Amino acid sequence: MQIKNIGQDARTISRDGIDVPLLPGSALDVELTKDEAKAFEGLGFEVTGEPAKPAPKSKE
């Protein structure tokens, strides 16, 4: 999926322990589940593309 900064200010996304700055209008391609995409949308980002399948839950 693609996360795009649609705001007027630079923002930083932390993904897998790495901070990635996003200038206004710039985007980042990452694998996201549907729930993760909704969370980024709730923070004011535009998210497009197909979600990744969530990791299977272990039965321990």
Protein backbone atom coordinates (compact mmCIF):
# COMPACT_ATOMS: atom_id res chain seq x y z
CA MET A 1 0.00 0.00 0.00
CA GLN A 2 1.01 3.60 -0.34
CA ILE A 3 0.87 6.12 2.52
CA LYS A 4 0.76 9.73 1.33
CA ASN A 5 1.21 12.86 3.43
CA ILE A 6 -1.73 15.04 2.37
CA GLY A 7 -1.06 17.69 5.00
CA GLN A 8 0.78 21.00 4.77
CA ASP A 9 3.60 20.04 7.18
CA ALA A 10 6.38 17.45 7.03
CA ARG A 11 5.55 14.36 9.08
CA THR A 12 7.50 11.28 10.15
CA ILE A 13 6.35 7.68 9.97
CA SER A 14 8.07 5.08 12.11
CA ARG A 15 7.94 1.68 10.44
CA ASP A 16 9.87 -1.40 11.59
CA GLY A 17 12.04 0.75 13.85
CA ILE A 18 13.02 3.17 11.09
CA ASP A 19 11.83 6.79 11.04
CA VAL A 20 10.91 7.97 7.53
CA PRO A 21 10.22 11.69 6.99
CA LEU A 22 7.39 12.51 4.57
CA LEU A 23 7.24 15.99 3.08
CA PRO A 24 3.82 17.32 2.03
CA GLY A 25 2.65 15.40 -1.05
CA SER A 26 5.27 12.64 -0.74
CA ALA A 27 4.44 8.97 -0.31
CA LEU A 28 5.91 5.72 1.01
CA ASP A 29 5.19 2.18 -0.22
CA VAL A 30 4.81 -0.33 2.63
CA GLU A 31 2.89 -3.51 3.37
CA LEU A 32 -0.08 -2.73 5.62
CA THR A 33 -3.05 -4.72 6.84
CA LYS A 34 -6.53 -3.23 6.54
CA ASP A 35 -6.47 -2.26 10.24
CA GLU A 36 -3.07 -0.55 9.92
CA ALA A 37 -4.32 1.38 6.87
CA LYS A 38 -7.37 2.59 8.81
CA ALA A 39 -5.08 3.76 11.63
CA PHE A 40 -2.95 5.82 9.23
CA GLU A 41 -6.09 7.29 7.65
CA GLY A 42 -7.26 8.28 11.13
CA LEU A 43 -3.98 10.18 11.58
CA GLY A 44 -4.63 12.23 8.43
CA PHE A 45 -2.71 10.28 5.79
CA GLU A 46 -4.10 9.08 2.45
CA VAL A 47 -3.71 5.32 2.02
CA THR A 48 -4.17 3.55 -1.32
CA GLY A 49 -3.59 0.04 -2.66
CA GLU A 50 -4.40 -3.49 -1.62
CA PRO A 51 -3.89 -4.49 2.03
CA ALA A 52 -1.55 -7.31 3.00
CA LYS A 53 -3.06 -10.37 4.62
CA PRO A 54 -2.63 -10.40 8.42
CA ALA A 55 -0.16 -12.88 9.87
CA PRO A 56 -1.81 -16.14 10.95
CA LYS A 57 -2.51 -16.42 14.66
CA SER A 58 -0.72 -19.22 16.50
CA LYS A 59 -2.80 -21.74 18.46
CA GLU A 60 -0.63 -22.05 21.54
